Amino acid sequence: MKRLWLLFSQSVTVLVAAYFVVATLQPDWLGRGTTRSGAGIALLEAPAMPPSLPAAGSFSGAARKAAPAVVSINTSKEVRHPRSNDPWFQFFFGDQGSQAQAGLGSGVIVSPEGYILTNNHVVESADEIEVTLTDSRRARARVIGTDPDTDLAILKIELDKLPVIVLGNSDALDVGDQVLAIGNPFGVGQTVTSGIVSALGRSQLGINTFENFIQTDAAINPGNSGGALVDVNGNLMGINTAIYSRSGGSMGIGFAIPVSTARMVLDGIVKDGQVTRGWIGVEPNELSPELAETFGVKKATEGVIITGVLQDGPAAQAGMRPGDVIVSVDGKSVGNVSQLLTAVAALKPGQAAAFDVQRADKRVELSINPGVRPRPQRNVRR
């Protein structure tokens, strides 16, 4: 019995070793996944996967959910030579006429009623705006309103059965969260890129008046402006707006406007025709040792120093003076001019708010009743 068991174990060992050698050197002999091409070539194929199961780590579900609501925007405007009306110019060069200048961008359908969020710079001064959906439907869009201070615009199209994106909570984003950027870069067609949230609350970039950007390394290129930044569930987190680039292409530093800001702009424009923001009538500056010494507020280590106060403005009526350092607005700390502008803009006009101020060597609290922020004097198409 012992000899039989020894013989059996040796046989199994030899067979396993032979199988291993054949599977390594000549797997086609075993017929595992082997097929023949049209030319009779033996090929190995992976086993078929159920179509309902995405590959591990795939973002296909989020892309399928969000992509249909992201549209391509094509604009055109008539451009004339700046001297086309000069008689001498016409004498030498003739009537040059006007030329059509084309523009390209992206947008996001946020309502089954046809409202589309995009960037103001995508549609600014455009004479015609055409929207193309992923199902190849096209429609002329009209501008409902724009907000140059945040570089956002609201368009509207008249089509049925529109795909609509789901709005997420951008305030819940954390640095390191995975995100997707969806748009139409360079006009090549809808493209999805992936990355992470690189930073939150980016400001002082000189792009918009009010800045609170989501920074991402998901590739954003020309044509992506106005497109969607979504989370791994396909929910809208922001509107892609700008990139930092030395070449004109993506360098891994892109910026998106949070959906919380976009929603506020959407509601304001649709309801009132404009975004209503708070305003107190001051000239703020970054706090520096030189300004602190000039105005006698050496004890101030943080906040925004006020170097000018508009006569009879809301701040002046509440007793604010040049040299005051605003430390907080309505309980929220402010550390730079951008944060102060954003905090004041968020105040409801006509509703008093508390301002914590450093004045000389003491702290005072002022109750300021903000007014309505004046709109910038710009030629914006309505």
Protein backbone atom coordinates (compact mmCIF):
# COMPACT_ATOMS: atom_id res chain seq x y z
CA MET A 1 0.00 0.00 0.00
CA LYS A 2 2.84 2.27 0.82
CA ARG A 3 4.44 1.62 -2.59
CA LEU A 4 1.16 2.39 -4.38
CA TRP A 5 0.79 5.70 -2.53
CA LEU A 6 4.38 6.66 -3.36
CA LEU A 7 3.82 5.84 -7.04
CA PHE A 8 0.60 7.89 -7.10
CA SER A 9 2.22 10.97 -5.54
CA GLN A 10 5.15 10.80 -7.97
CA SER A 11 2.79 10.55 -10.94
CA VAL A 12 0.77 13.58 -9.79
CA THR A 13 3.95 15.59 -9.29
CA VAL A 14 5.17 14.78 -12.82
CA LEU A 15 1.78 15.64 -14.36
CA VAL A 16 1.56 18.96 -12.54
CA ALA A 17 5.10 19.85 -13.60
CA ALA A 18 4.32 18.92 -17.22
CA TYR A 19 1.12 20.98 -17.16
CA PHE A 20 3.00 23.99 -15.80
CA VAL A 21 5.66 23.74 -18.54
CA VAL A 22 3.09 23.42 -21.32
CA ALA A 23 0.92 26.24 -19.94
CA THR A 24 3.96 28.50 -19.83
CA LEU A 25 5.65 27.66 -23.13
CA GLN A 26 2.80 26.39 -25.33
CA PRO A 27 -0.51 27.61 -23.88
CA ASP A 28 -2.27 27.14 -27.22
CA TRP A 29 -1.80 23.34 -26.83
CA LEU A 30 -4.25 23.51 -23.96
CA GLY A 31 -6.80 25.46 -26.01
CA ARG A 32 -7.41 28.04 -23.23
CA GLY A 33 -8.84 31.19 -24.84
CA THR A 34 -7.31 30.22 -28.16
CA THR A 35 -9.05 31.40 -31.32
CA ARG A 36 -8.10 31.58 -34.96
CA SER A 37 -8.07 34.90 -36.80
CA GLY A 38 -9.33 35.32 -40.35
CA ALA A 39 -5.79 34.64 -41.52
CA GLY A 40 -5.59 31.44 -39.50
CA ILE A 41 -3.33 32.90 -36.81
CA ALA A 42 -3.69 31.44 -33.33
CA LEU A 43 -4.63 34.21 -30.84
CA LEU A 44 -5.39 34.32 -27.14
CA GLU A 45 -8.51 36.17 -25.99
CA ALA A 46 -9.60 37.27 -22.53
CA PRO A 47 -12.80 35.66 -21.26
CA ALA A 48 -15.94 37.65 -21.96
CA MET A 49 -17.08 39.89 -19.09
CA PRO A 50 -20.74 40.55 -18.35
CA PRO A 51 -21.59 43.91 -20.02
CA SER A 52 -23.31 45.18 -16.87
CA LEU A 53 -20.15 44.93 -14.75
CA PRO A 54 -17.61 47.79 -15.23
CA ALA A 55 -13.94 47.09 -14.78
CA ALA A 56 -12.47 47.69 -11.36
CA GLY A 57 -11.69 51.39 -10.86
CA SER A 58 -13.67 52.43 -13.93
CA PHE A 59 -15.52 55.77 -14.02
CA SER A 60 -17.77 54.65 -16.86
CA GLY A 61 -20.88 54.85 -14.69
CA ALA A 62 -20.25 58.48 -13.76
CA ALA A 63 -19.44 59.36 -17.37
CA ARG A 64 -22.61 57.71 -18.68
CA LYS A 65 -24.69 59.56 -16.10
CA ALA A 66 -23.25 63.05 -16.64
CA ALA A 67 -22.02 63.19 -20.24
CA PRO A 68 -25.41 63.44 -22.03
CA ALA A 69 -26.12 66.72 -20.18
CA VAL A 70 -22.86 68.34 -21.31
CA VAL A 71 -23.26 70.21 -24.60
CA SER A 72 -21.00 71.83 -27.15
CA ILE A 73 -21.50 75.56 -27.75
CA ASN A 74 -20.56 77.25 -31.02
CA THR A 75 -20.75 81.04 -31.28
CA SER A 76 -20.25 83.55 -34.07
CA LYS A 77 -20.05 87.32 -34.21
CA GLU A 78 -19.51 89.85 -36.96
CA VAL A 79 -16.18 91.66 -36.71
CA ARG A 80 -15.29 94.77 -38.74
CA HIS A 81 -11.91 96.41 -39.17
CA PRO A 82 -11.57 99.22 -36.60
CA ARG A 83 -10.89 101.74 -39.42
CA SER A 84 -13.48 100.42 -41.86
CA ASN A 85 -15.46 103.69 -41.62
CA ASP A 86 -12.42 105.88 -42.33
CA PRO A 87 -12.78 107.40 -45.86
CA TRP A 88 -9.01 107.28 -46.44
CA PHE A 89 -8.89 103.63 -45.37
CA GLN A 90 -11.73 102.84 -47.80
CA PHE A 91 -10.01 104.81 -50.56
CA PHE A 92 -6.83 102.73 -50.33
CA PHE A 93 -8.22 99.36 -49.26
CA GLY A 94 -11.85 99.47 -50.31
CA ASP A 95 -14.78 98.32 -48.22
CA GLN A 96 -13.46 95.39 -46.23
CA GLY A 97 -16.93 94.46 -45.00
CA SER A 98 -17.34 92.28 -41.92
CA GLN A 99 -16.02 88.86 -41.11
CA ALA A 100 -17.58 86.14 -38.97
CA GLN A 101 -15.50 85.18 -35.94
CA ALA A 102 -16.24 81.72 -34.51
CA GLY A 103 -15.97 80.65 -30.88
CA LEU A 104 -16.12 77.30 -29.12
CA GLY A 105 -17.03 76.21 -25.62
CA SER A 106 -19.11 73.82 -23.55
CA GLY A 107 -22.19 74.03 -21.35
CA VAL A 108 -24.22 71.97 -18.89
CA ILE A 109 -27.98 71.39 -19.04
CA VAL A 110 -29.25 71.90 -15.48
CA SER A 111 -33.01 71.91 -16.01
CA PRO A 112 -35.51 70.00 -18.18
CA GLU A 113 -36.86 73.48 -19.05
CA GLY A 114 -33.74 74.01 -21.15
CA TYR A 115 -31.55 76.17 -18.90
CA ILE A 116 -27.81 75.79 -19.55
CA LEU A 117 -24.91 76.94 -17.38
CA THR A 118 -21.75 78.07 -19.16
CA ASN A 119 -19.04 80.73 -18.91
CA ASN A 120 -19.69 84.36 -19.71
CA HIS A 121 -16.50 84.53 -21.78
CA VAL A 122 -17.83 81.73 -24.01
CA VAL A 123 -20.90 83.70 -25.16
CA GLU A 124 -19.90 87.32 -24.53
CA SER A 125 -20.72 89.61 -27.50
CA ALA A 126 -21.86 86.63 -29.61
CA ASP A 127 -24.42 87.34 -32.34
CA GLU A 128 -25.45 83.71 -32.71
CA ILE A 129 -25.19 80.78 -30.30
CA GLU A 130 -25.76 77.18 -31.34
CA VAL A 131 -25.90 74.27 -28.91
CA THR A 132 -25.14 70.68 -29.97
CA LEU A 133 -26.24 67.77 -27.77
CA THR A 134 -24.54 64.39 -27.55
CA ASP A 135 -27.44 62.87 -29.50
CA SER A 136 -26.55 65.25 -32.39
CA ARG A 137 -29.60 67.48 -31.90
CA ARG A 138 -28.91 71.17 -32.48
CA ALA A 139 -30.72 74.28 -31.26
CA ARG A 140 -30.30 78.03 -31.23
CA ALA A 141 -29.78 79.34 -27.71
CA ARG A 142 -30.69 82.70 -26.26
CA VAL A 143 -28.91 84.42 -23.40
CA ILE A 144 -31.09 84.72 -20.30
CA GLY A 145 -28.45 86.67 -18.41
CA THR A 146 -24.78 86.91 -17.55
CA ASP A 147 -22.72 87.57 -14.44
CA PRO A 148 -19.26 88.86 -15.44
CA ASP A 149 -18.18 89.02 -11.79
CA THR A 150 -18.18 85.20 -11.62
CA ASP A 151 -17.78 84.60 -15.39
CA LEU A 152 -21.06 82.69 -15.58
CA ALA A 153 -23.88 82.88 -18.12
CA ILE A 154 -27.34 81.30 -18.37
CA LEU A 155 -28.62 80.14 -21.77
CA LYS A 156 -31.93 78.58 -22.74
CA ILE A 157 -32.88 76.23 -25.56
CA GLU A 158 -36.28 74.98 -26.67
CA LEU A 159 -36.05 71.18 -27.03
CA ASP A 160 -37.98 68.27 -25.59
CA LYS A 161 -36.70 65.31 -23.56
CA LEU A 162 -33.49 66.97 -22.51
CA PRO A 163 -30.87 65.09 -20.46
CA VAL A 164 -30.30 66.92 -17.18
CA ILE A 165 -27.28 66.72 -14.88
CA VAL A 166 -27.69 66.08 -11.15
CA LEU A 167 -26.40 68.91 -8.95
CA GLY A 168 -24.00 67.80 -6.22
CA ASN A 169 -22.74 69.45 -3.04
CA SER A 170 -19.47 71.21 -3.83
CA ASP A 171 -19.11 72.28 -0.19
CA ALA A 172 -18.60 68.61 0.72
CA LEU A 173 -15.57 68.19 -1.57
CA ASP A 174 -12.20 67.42 -0.03
CA VAL A 175 -8.70 67.73 -1.42
CA GLY A 176 -7.83 64.36 -2.94
CA ASP A 177 -11.37 63.48 -4.08
CA GLN A 178 -11.52 62.05 -7.60
CA VAL A 179 -13.30 64.13 -10.23
CA LEU A 180 -13.99 64.05 -13.97
CA ALA A 181 -13.87 66.98 -16.41
CA ILE A 182 -16.29 66.72 -19.35
CA GLY A 183 -16.31 69.06 -22.34
CA ASN A 184 -15.40 69.56 -25.99
CA PRO A 185 -11.68 70.47 -26.07
CA PHE A 186 -10.40 71.93 -29.35
CA GLY A 187 -13.68 70.87 -30.99
CA VAL A 188 -12.59 67.23 -31.29
CA GLY A 189 -15.81 66.01 -29.65
CA GLN A 190 -16.95 65.28 -26.14
CA THR A 191 -14.04 64.16 -23.97
CA VAL A 192 -13.83 62.88 -20.39
CA THR A 193 -10.64 63.32 -18.36
CA SER A 194 -10.00 62.32 -14.75
CA GLY A 195 -8.01 63.70 -11.85
CA ILE A 196 -8.34 64.78 -8.26
CA VAL A 197 -9.28 67.92 -6.37
CA SER A 198 -5.89 69.60 -5.95
CA ALA A 199 -7.05 72.52 -3.79
CA LEU A 200 -10.19 74.32 -2.65
CA GLY A 201 -11.04 78.01 -2.22
CA ARG A 202 -8.45 79.27 -4.70
CA SER A 203 -8.63 83.08 -4.96
CA GLN A 204 -6.50 86.11 -5.83
CA LEU A 205 -5.87 84.71 -9.31
CA GLY A 206 -7.08 87.84 -11.09
CA ILE A 207 -9.56 85.89 -13.22
CA ASN A 208 -12.89 87.04 -11.74
CA THR A 209 -14.06 89.64 -9.24
CA PHE A 210 -15.36 86.89 -6.95
CA GLU A 211 -13.10 83.84 -6.81
CA ASN A 212 -13.57 80.63 -4.89
CA PHE A 213 -12.22 78.08 -7.35
CA ILE A 214 -11.92 74.32 -7.17
CA GLN A 215 -8.45 73.45 -8.47
CA THR A 216 -8.04 70.13 -10.27
CA ASP A 217 -5.41 68.27 -12.26
CA ALA A 218 -8.03 66.72 -14.57
CA ALA A 219 -7.02 67.83 -18.06
CA ILE A 220 -8.88 71.00 -19.12
CA ASN A 221 -8.11 72.51 -22.52
CA PRO A 222 -9.52 75.29 -24.77
CA GLY A 223 -13.11 74.34 -25.57
CA ASN A 224 -13.67 72.84 -22.10
CA SER A 225 -14.76 76.24 -20.74
CA GLY A 226 -18.30 75.98 -19.42
CA GLY A 227 -18.15 72.19 -19.21
CA ALA A 228 -18.82 70.00 -16.18
CA LEU A 229 -16.61 68.96 -13.30
CA VAL A 230 -18.34 65.93 -11.73
CA ASP A 231 -17.64 63.54 -8.88
CA VAL A 232 -17.34 59.75 -9.19
CA ASN A 233 -21.13 59.49 -8.92
CA GLY A 234 -21.65 61.74 -11.93
CA ASN A 235 -23.00 64.69 -9.89
CA LEU A 236 -22.08 68.24 -10.90
CA MET A 237 -19.44 69.80 -8.65
CA GLY A 238 -18.38 72.80 -10.73
CA ILE A 239 -18.22 74.62 -14.06
CA ASN A 240 -14.79 74.39 -15.69
CA THR A 241 -13.53 77.91 -16.32
CA ALA A 242 -9.80 78.43 -16.70
CA ILE A 243 -6.38 76.83 -16.76
CA TYR A 244 -2.89 77.91 -15.82
CA SER A 245 -0.73 77.23 -18.86
CA ARG A 246 2.42 78.45 -20.55
CA SER A 247 1.66 76.60 -23.77
CA GLY A 248 -2.10 77.07 -24.14
CA GLY A 249 -2.75 73.42 -23.28
CA SER A 250 -3.30 71.57 -20.02
CA MET A 251 -0.46 71.58 -17.50
CA GLY A 252 -2.43 69.93 -14.71
CA ILE A 253 -3.71 73.16 -13.14
CA GLY A 254 -7.34 73.84 -13.93
CA PHE A 255 -10.02 75.84 -12.14
CA ALA A 256 -13.77 75.31 -11.80
CA ILE A 257 -16.49 77.49 -10.28
CA PRO A 258 -18.24 75.57 -7.46
CA VAL A 259 -21.80 74.49 -8.20
CA SER A 260 -22.92 76.34 -5.04
CA THR A 261 -21.90 79.62 -6.68
CA ALA A 262 -23.36 78.61 -10.03
CA ARG A 263 -26.70 77.77 -8.43
CA MET A 264 -26.87 81.17 -6.71
CA VAL A 265 -26.17 82.91 -10.03
CA LEU A 266 -28.77 80.75 -11.81
CA ASP A 267 -31.48 81.56 -9.27
CA GLY A 268 -30.67 85.28 -9.24
CA ILE A 269 -30.66 85.69 -13.00
CA VAL A 270 -33.78 83.63 -13.67
CA LYS A 271 -35.73 85.25 -10.83
CA ASP A 272 -34.56 88.89 -10.91
CA GLY A 273 -32.65 89.22 -14.17
CA GLN A 274 -29.42 89.83 -12.26
CA VAL A 275 -27.42 88.64 -9.27
CA THR A 276 -28.05 90.82 -6.21
CA ARG A 277 -25.01 91.17 -3.95
CA GLY A 278 -24.24 93.12 -0.82
CA TRP A 279 -22.09 96.28 -0.88
CA ILE A 280 -20.79 98.59 1.85
CA GLY A 281 -18.80 101.24 -0.07
CA VAL A 282 -15.20 100.87 1.05
CA GLU A 283 -11.76 100.67 -0.56
CA PRO A 284 -10.04 97.57 0.91
CA ASN A 285 -6.35 96.71 0.76
CA GLU A 286 -4.21 93.82 1.90
CA LEU A 287 -2.87 94.38 5.42
CA SER A 288 0.86 95.10 5.32
CA PRO A 289 3.29 96.34 8.00
CA GLU A 290 3.67 99.63 6.10
CA LEU A 291 -0.08 100.32 5.94
CA ALA A 292 -0.53 99.19 9.55
CA GLU A 293 2.11 101.70 10.68
CA THR A 294 0.70 104.49 8.48
CA PHE A 295 -2.79 104.13 9.95
CA GLY A 296 -1.66 103.36 13.49
CA VAL A 297 -2.94 99.80 13.76
CA LYS A 298 0.31 98.02 14.58
CA LYS A 299 -1.51 95.52 16.77
CA ALA A 300 -3.49 94.22 13.79
CA THR A 301 -1.97 90.96 12.54
CA GLU A 302 -4.81 89.72 10.36
CA GLY A 303 -7.74 91.11 8.41
CA VAL A 304 -8.23 93.64 5.60
CA ILE A 305 -7.35 97.29 6.05
CA ILE A 306 -9.74 99.96 4.77
CA THR A 307 -7.94 102.86 3.08
CA GLY A 308 -11.03 104.67 1.82
CA VAL A 309 -14.70 104.98 2.81
CA LEU A 310 -17.33 106.26 0.40
CA GLN A 311 -19.11 109.30 1.76
CA ASP A 312 -22.72 108.51 2.73
CA GLY A 313 -22.17 104.84 1.83
CA PRO A 314 -23.41 102.02 4.11
CA ALA A 315 -20.04 101.67 5.87
CA ALA A 316 -19.68 105.43 6.42
CA GLN A 317 -23.19 105.64 7.87
CA ALA A 318 -22.29 102.87 10.33
CA GLY A 319 -19.18 104.73 11.48
CA MET A 320 -16.39 102.95 9.62
CA ARG A 321 -13.23 105.02 9.11
CA PRO A 322 -10.11 104.81 6.93
CA GLY A 323 -7.53 102.76 8.81
CA ASP A 324 -10.05 100.32 10.27
CA VAL A 325 -9.08 96.67 9.84
CA ILE A 326 -12.01 94.35 9.16
CA VAL A 327 -11.34 91.05 10.95
CA SER A 328 -14.63 89.26 10.39
CA VAL A 329 -17.95 89.71 8.59
CA ASP A 330 -21.12 88.24 10.08
CA GLY A 331 -19.00 85.88 12.19
CA LYS A 332 -16.77 84.71 9.31
CA SER A 333 -13.06 85.56 9.42
CA VAL A 334 -11.56 87.42 6.45
CA GLY A 335 -7.85 87.26 5.73
CA ASN A 336 -7.55 89.00 2.36
CA VAL A 337 -9.40 91.33 0.01
CA SER A 338 -10.90 88.48 -2.01
CA GLN A 339 -12.41 86.89 1.10
CA LEU A 340 -13.82 90.26 2.19
CA LEU A 341 -15.44 90.87 -1.21
CA THR A 342 -16.98 87.40 -1.18
CA ALA A 343 -18.24 87.76 2.40
CA VAL A 344 -19.79 91.18 1.77
CA ALA A 345 -21.32 90.06 -1.53
CA ALA A 346 -23.04 87.19 0.28
CA LEU A 347 -24.83 89.61 2.62
CA LYS A 348 -28.48 90.34 2.00
CA PRO A 349 -29.02 94.01 1.11
CA GLY A 350 -31.12 95.77 3.71
CA GLN A 351 -30.31 93.27 6.46
CA ALA A 352 -27.79 94.50 9.05
CA ALA A 353 -24.65 92.43 9.61
CA ALA A 354 -21.95 92.55 12.30
CA PHE A 355 -18.42 93.64 11.33
CA ASP A 356 -15.61 92.95 13.80
CA VAL A 357 -13.07 95.78 13.37
CA GLN A 358 -9.62 96.53 14.79
CA ARG A 359 -9.36 100.30 15.31
CA ALA A 360 -6.03 101.55 16.64
CA ASP A 361 -5.42 99.46 19.77
CA LYS A 362 -9.00 98.33 20.42
CA ARG A 363 -11.67 96.11 18.93
CA VAL A 364 -15.05 97.54 17.95
CA GLU A 365 -18.12 95.96 16.42
CA LEU A 366 -20.06 97.83 13.75
CA SER A 367 -23.53 96.98 12.52
CA ILE A 368 -23.65 97.77 8.80
CA ASN A 369 -26.79 97.70 6.70
CA PRO A 370 -25.42 96.70 3.24
CA GLY A 371 -26.75 98.15 0.02
CA VAL A 372 -26.93 96.57 -3.44
CA ARG A 373 -23.60 96.20 -5.20
CA PRO A 374 -23.56 98.40 -8.34
CA ARG A 375 -23.26 96.46 -11.58
CA PRO A 376 -20.06 97.01 -13.58
CA GLN A 377 -20.39 99.23 -16.61
CA ARG A 378 -19.85 96.68 -19.37
CA ASN A 379 -21.40 96.12 -22.76
CA VAL A 380 -22.83 92.70 -22.10
CA ARG A 381 -25.33 91.20 -24.51
CA ARG A 382 -28.70 90.41 -22.96
